C-alpha cells in the first residue's frame, strides 16, 4: 500500500524512489533538526536534508502530500507540488532551494525522502532531548 508517496505495506515504511516527482519540505529550527538528523541516521531513516544559508533552519525532503496532515508544533511543512521542487531534480546535486546547501545529500541519504511518520517521531525525541539538556543547565 502506498500513502503520500511512501510504501507502508511492509514492516518498514520506505520512501519510493524512481520517478519520485514533487516533494514537500518540513522545516525546523536547526538545533532540533540536527538532533533529529542524528536520530534518523542511527536508524537509516533520513532522506535528503537542506540547510538555509544562515544555518538557522533545516529542511527535510518528504513525500508529496505530507503537508496536508502535518501538525508538529515548532515546524512547518510546505507543499511544493507544482512549484518546481522535485526529488528527481534534487538528485542532480544542487539543493532545490536558493541560498541553501545540503546537510545530507541525496546520494548520501539511504532514502529518497524522509518518511513523515519516522520524522515526526524523531522530531519529538529531539525536542525531549533538548528539553532535558536545557533543564540541566
C-alpha atoms as a PDB file:
ATOM      1  CA  UNK A   1       0.000   0.000   0.000  1.00  0.00           C
ATOM      2  CA  UNK A   2       1.304   3.476  -0.868  1.00  0.00           C
ATOM      3  CA  UNK A   3       0.347   6.520   1.182  1.00  0.00           C
ATOM      4  CA  UNK A   4       1.744  10.024   0.490  1.00  0.00           C
ATOM      5  CA  UNK A   5       4.493   8.565  -1.687  1.00  0.00           C
ATOM      6  CA  UNK A   6       5.559   6.072   0.981  1.00  0.00           C
ATOM      7  CA  UNK A   7       5.248   2.299   0.761  1.00  0.00           C
ATOM      8  CA  UNK A   8       3.603   1.256   4.025  1.00  0.00           C
ATOM      9  CA  UNK A   9       2.874  -2.375   3.109  1.00  0.00           C
ATOM     10  CA  UNK A  10       5.974  -3.895   4.711  1.00  0.00           C
ATOM     11  CA  UNK A  11       7.278  -3.940   8.260  1.00  0.00           C
ATOM     12  CA  UNK A  12       9.366  -0.828   7.478  1.00  0.00           C
ATOM     13  CA  UNK A  13       7.991   2.152   5.617  1.00  0.00           C
ATOM     14  CA  UNK A  14      10.215   3.489   2.863  1.00  0.00           C
ATOM     15  CA  UNK A  15      10.023   6.495   0.601  1.00  0.00           C
ATOM     16  CA  UNK A  16       9.617   5.487  -3.003  1.00  0.00           C
ATOM     17  CA  UNK A  17      12.453   6.072  -5.443  1.00  0.00           C
ATOM     18  CA  UNK A  18      12.196   6.170  -9.192  1.00  0.00           C
ATOM     19  CA  UNK A  19      10.090   8.937 -10.731  1.00  0.00           C
ATOM     20  CA  UNK A  20       9.513  10.452  -7.343  1.00  0.00           C
ATOM     21  CA  UNK A  21       8.184  13.762  -8.651  1.00  0.00           C
ATOM     22  CA  UNK A  22       7.356  16.665  -6.406  1.00  0.00           C
ATOM     23  CA  UNK A  23       8.142  16.695  -2.722  1.00  0.00           C
ATOM     24  CA  UNK A  24       7.149  18.689   0.337  1.00  0.00           C
ATOM     25  CA  UNK A  25       9.646  20.185   2.784  1.00  0.00           C
ATOM     26  CA  UNK A  26       9.413  20.077   6.568  1.00  0.00           C
ATOM     27  CA  UNK A  27      11.367  22.964   8.105  1.00  0.00           C
ATOM     28  CA  UNK A  28      12.506  23.017  11.713  1.00  0.00           C
ATOM     29  CA  UNK A  29      14.906  25.081  13.832  1.00  0.00           C
ATOM     30  CA  UNK A  30      18.490  23.924  13.281  1.00  0.00           C
ATOM     31  CA  UNK A  31      19.064  22.681  16.848  1.00  0.00           C
ATOM     32  CA  UNK A  32      16.071  20.343  16.788  1.00  0.00           C
ATOM     33  CA  UNK A  33      16.754  19.389  13.178  1.00  0.00           C
ATOM     34  CA  UNK A  34      20.356  18.399  13.865  1.00  0.00           C
ATOM     35  CA  UNK A  35      19.249  16.190  16.754  1.00  0.00           C
ATOM     36  CA  UNK A  36      16.602  14.615  14.509  1.00  0.00           C
ATOM     37  CA  UNK A  37      19.153  14.007  11.729  1.00  0.00           C
ATOM     38  CA  UNK A  38      21.388  12.156  14.200  1.00  0.00           C
ATOM     39  CA  UNK A  39      18.446  10.050  15.379  1.00  0.00           C
ATOM     40  CA  UNK A  40      17.373   9.271  11.811  1.00  0.00           C
ATOM     41  CA  UNK A  41      20.910   8.407  10.706  1.00  0.00           C
ATOM     42  CA  UNK A  42      21.178   5.855  13.501  1.00  0.00           C
ATOM     43  CA  UNK A  43      18.017   4.218  12.173  1.00  0.00           C
ATOM     44  CA  UNK A  44      18.773   4.565   8.430  1.00  0.00           C
ATOM     45  CA  UNK A  45      15.659   6.676   8.020  1.00  0.00           C
ATOM     46  CA  UNK A  46      16.957  10.017   6.788  1.00  0.00           C
ATOM     47  CA  UNK A  47      16.335  11.343   3.308  1.00  0.00           C
ATOM     48  CA  UNK A  48      17.954  14.447   1.822  1.00  0.00           C
ATOM     49  CA  UNK A  49      18.202  17.430   4.203  1.00  0.00           C
ATOM     50  CA  UNK A  50      18.905  21.040   3.285  1.00  0.00           C
ATOM     51  CA  UNK A  51      20.004  23.959   5.451  1.00  0.00           C
ATOM     52  CA  UNK A  52      19.351  27.614   4.884  1.00  0.00           C
ATOM     53  CA  UNK A  53      22.233  29.988   4.208  1.00  0.00           C
ATOM     54  CA  UNK A  54      22.326  31.189   7.832  1.00  0.00           C
ATOM     55  CA  UNK A  55      22.051  27.629   9.197  1.00  0.00           C
ATOM     56  CA  UNK A  56      19.061  28.696  11.292  1.00  0.00           C
ATOM     57  CA  UNK A  57      16.711  26.066   9.880  1.00  0.00           C
ATOM     58  CA  UNK A  58      16.868  22.633   8.302  1.00  0.00           C
ATOM     59  CA  UNK A  59      14.532  21.281   5.656  1.00  0.00           C
ATOM     60  CA  UNK A  60      13.705  17.581   5.381  1.00  0.00           C
ATOM     61  CA  UNK A  61      12.523  16.469   1.938  1.00  0.00           C
ATOM     62  CA  UNK A  62       9.386  14.399   2.465  1.00  0.00           C
ATOM     63  CA  UNK A  63       6.931  12.735   0.069  1.00  0.00           C
ATOM     64  CA  UNK A  64       4.283  14.877  -1.638  1.00  0.00           C
ATOM     65  CA  UNK A  65       1.080  15.197   0.326  1.00  0.00           C
ATOM     66  CA  UNK A  66       2.820  15.330   3.709  1.00  0.00           C
ATOM     67  CA  UNK A  67       1.821  18.991   4.185  1.00  0.00           C
ATOM     68  CA  UNK A  68      -1.857  18.015   4.132  1.00  0.00           C
ATOM     69  CA  UNK A  69      -1.619  16.327   7.515  1.00  0.00           C
ATOM     70  CA  UNK A  70       1.473  17.865   9.109  1.00  0.00           C
ATOM     71  CA  UNK A  71       0.776  19.238  12.594  1.00  0.00           C
ATOM     72  CA  UNK A  72       4.043  19.041  14.545  1.00  0.00           C
ATOM     73  CA  UNK A  73       4.490  22.089  16.806  1.00  0.00           C
ATOM     74  CA  UNK A  74       7.604  24.146  16.111  1.00  0.00           C
ATOM     75  CA  UNK A  75       7.837  23.000  12.496  1.00  0.00           C
ATOM     76  CA  UNK A  76       6.206  23.778   9.187  1.00  0.00           C
ATOM     77  CA  UNK A  77       5.567  21.660   6.128  1.00  0.00           C
ATOM     78  CA  UNK A  78       5.498  23.444   2.805  1.00  0.00           C
ATOM     79  CA  UNK A  79       3.624  21.940  -0.091  1.00  0.00           C
ATOM     80  CA  UNK A  80       5.703  22.414  -3.191  1.00  0.00           C
ATOM     81  CA  UNK A  81       3.537  20.498  -5.630  1.00  0.00           C
ATOM     82  CA  UNK A  82       3.590  22.396  -8.898  1.00  0.00           C
ATOM     83  CA  UNK A  83       6.200  24.900  -7.732  1.00  0.00           C
ATOM     84  CA  UNK A  84       9.289  23.232  -9.115  1.00  0.00           C
ATOM     85  CA  UNK A  85      10.689  21.451  -6.043  1.00  0.00           C
ATOM     86  CA  UNK A  86      11.280  17.966  -7.354  1.00  0.00           C
ATOM     87  CA  UNK A  87      13.024  14.979  -5.827  1.00  0.00           C
ATOM     88  CA  UNK A  88      14.420  13.989  -9.195  1.00  0.00           C
ATOM     89  CA  UNK A  89      15.946  17.463  -9.653  1.00  0.00           C
ATOM     90  CA  UNK A  90      17.393  17.338  -6.140  1.00  0.00           C
ATOM     91  CA  UNK A  91      19.419  14.297  -7.114  1.00  0.00           C
ATOM     92  CA  UNK A  92      21.297  16.418  -9.660  1.00  0.00           C
ATOM     93  CA  UNK A  93      23.436  17.924  -6.921  1.00  0.00           C
ATOM     94  CA  UNK A  94      22.041  21.403  -6.325  1.00  0.00           C
ATOM     95  CA  UNK A  95      19.712  21.941  -3.366  1.00  0.00           C
ATOM     96  CA  UNK A  96      16.179  22.631  -4.588  1.00  0.00           C
ATOM     97  CA  UNK A  97      16.012  25.946  -2.708  1.00  0.00           C
ATOM     98  CA  UNK A  98      18.075  29.082  -3.370  1.00  0.00           C
ATOM     99  CA  UNK A  99      20.646  30.161  -0.763  1.00  0.00           C
ATOM    100  CA  UNK A 100      20.679  26.669   0.725  1.00  0.00           C
ATOM    101  CA  UNK A 101      23.138  23.821   0.980  1.00  0.00           C
ATOM    102  CA  UNK A 102      22.952  20.107   1.590  1.00  0.00           C
ATOM    103  CA  UNK A 103      23.378  18.737   5.086  1.00  0.00           C
ATOM    104  CA  UNK A 104      22.531  15.245   3.795  1.00  0.00           C
ATOM    105  CA  UNK A 105      22.938  14.950   0.035  1.00  0.00           C
ATOM    106  CA  UNK A 106      20.553  12.803  -1.992  1.00  0.00           C
ATOM    107  CA  UNK A 107      23.464  10.467  -2.786  1.00  0.00           C
ATOM    108  CA  UNK A 108      24.320  10.002   0.909  1.00  0.00           C
ATOM    109  CA  UNK A 109      20.723   9.521   2.045  1.00  0.00           C
ATOM    110  CA  UNK A 110      19.503   5.937   2.412  1.00  0.00           C
ATOM    111  CA  UNK A 111      16.012   7.055   1.314  1.00  0.00           C
ATOM    112  CA  UNK A 112      14.795   9.353  -1.467  1.00  0.00           C
ATOM    113  CA  UNK A 113      12.713  11.239   1.112  1.00  0.00           C
ATOM    114  CA  UNK A 114      12.229  11.025   4.856  1.00  0.00           C
ATOM    115  CA  UNK A 115       9.193   9.025   5.963  1.00  0.00           C
ATOM    116  CA  UNK A 116       6.841  11.556   7.625  1.00  0.00           C
ATOM    117  CA  UNK A 117       5.886   9.241  10.499  1.00  0.00           C
ATOM    118  CA  UNK A 118       9.520   8.465  11.252  1.00  0.00           C
ATOM    119  CA  UNK A 119      10.403  12.177  11.043  1.00  0.00           C
ATOM    120  CA  UNK A 120       7.552  13.068  13.407  1.00  0.00           C
ATOM    121  CA  UNK A 121       8.863  10.569  15.974  1.00  0.00           C
ATOM    122  CA  UNK A 122      12.470  11.761  15.574  1.00  0.00           C
ATOM    123  CA  UNK A 123      11.463  15.408  15.992  1.00  0.00           C
ATOM    124  CA  UNK A 124       9.563  14.517  19.169  1.00  0.00           C
ATOM    125  CA  UNK A 125      12.541  12.611  20.534  1.00  0.00           C
ATOM    126  CA  UNK A 126      14.843  15.504  19.603  1.00  0.00           C
ATOM    127  CA  UNK A 127      12.592  18.019  21.387  1.00  0.00           C
ATOM    128  CA  UNK A 128      12.562  15.877  24.534  1.00  0.00           C
ATOM    129  CA  UNK A 129      16.370  15.540  24.407  1.00  0.00           C
ATOM    130  CA  UNK A 130      16.844  19.295  24.028  1.00  0.00           C
ATOM    131  CA  UNK A 131      14.413  19.999  26.877  1.00  0.00           C
ATOM    132  CA  UNK A 132      16.277  17.575  29.149  1.00  0.00           C
ATOM    133  CA  UNK A 133      19.636  19.156  28.319  1.00  0.00           C
ATOM    134  CA  UNK A 134      18.255  22.657  28.885  1.00  0.00           C
ATOM    135  CA  UNK A 135      16.888  21.633  32.317  1.00  0.00           C
ATOM    136  CA  UNK A 136      20.393  20.502  33.340  1.00  0.00           C
ATOM    137  CA  UNK A 137      21.951  23.919  32.708  1.00  0.00           C
END
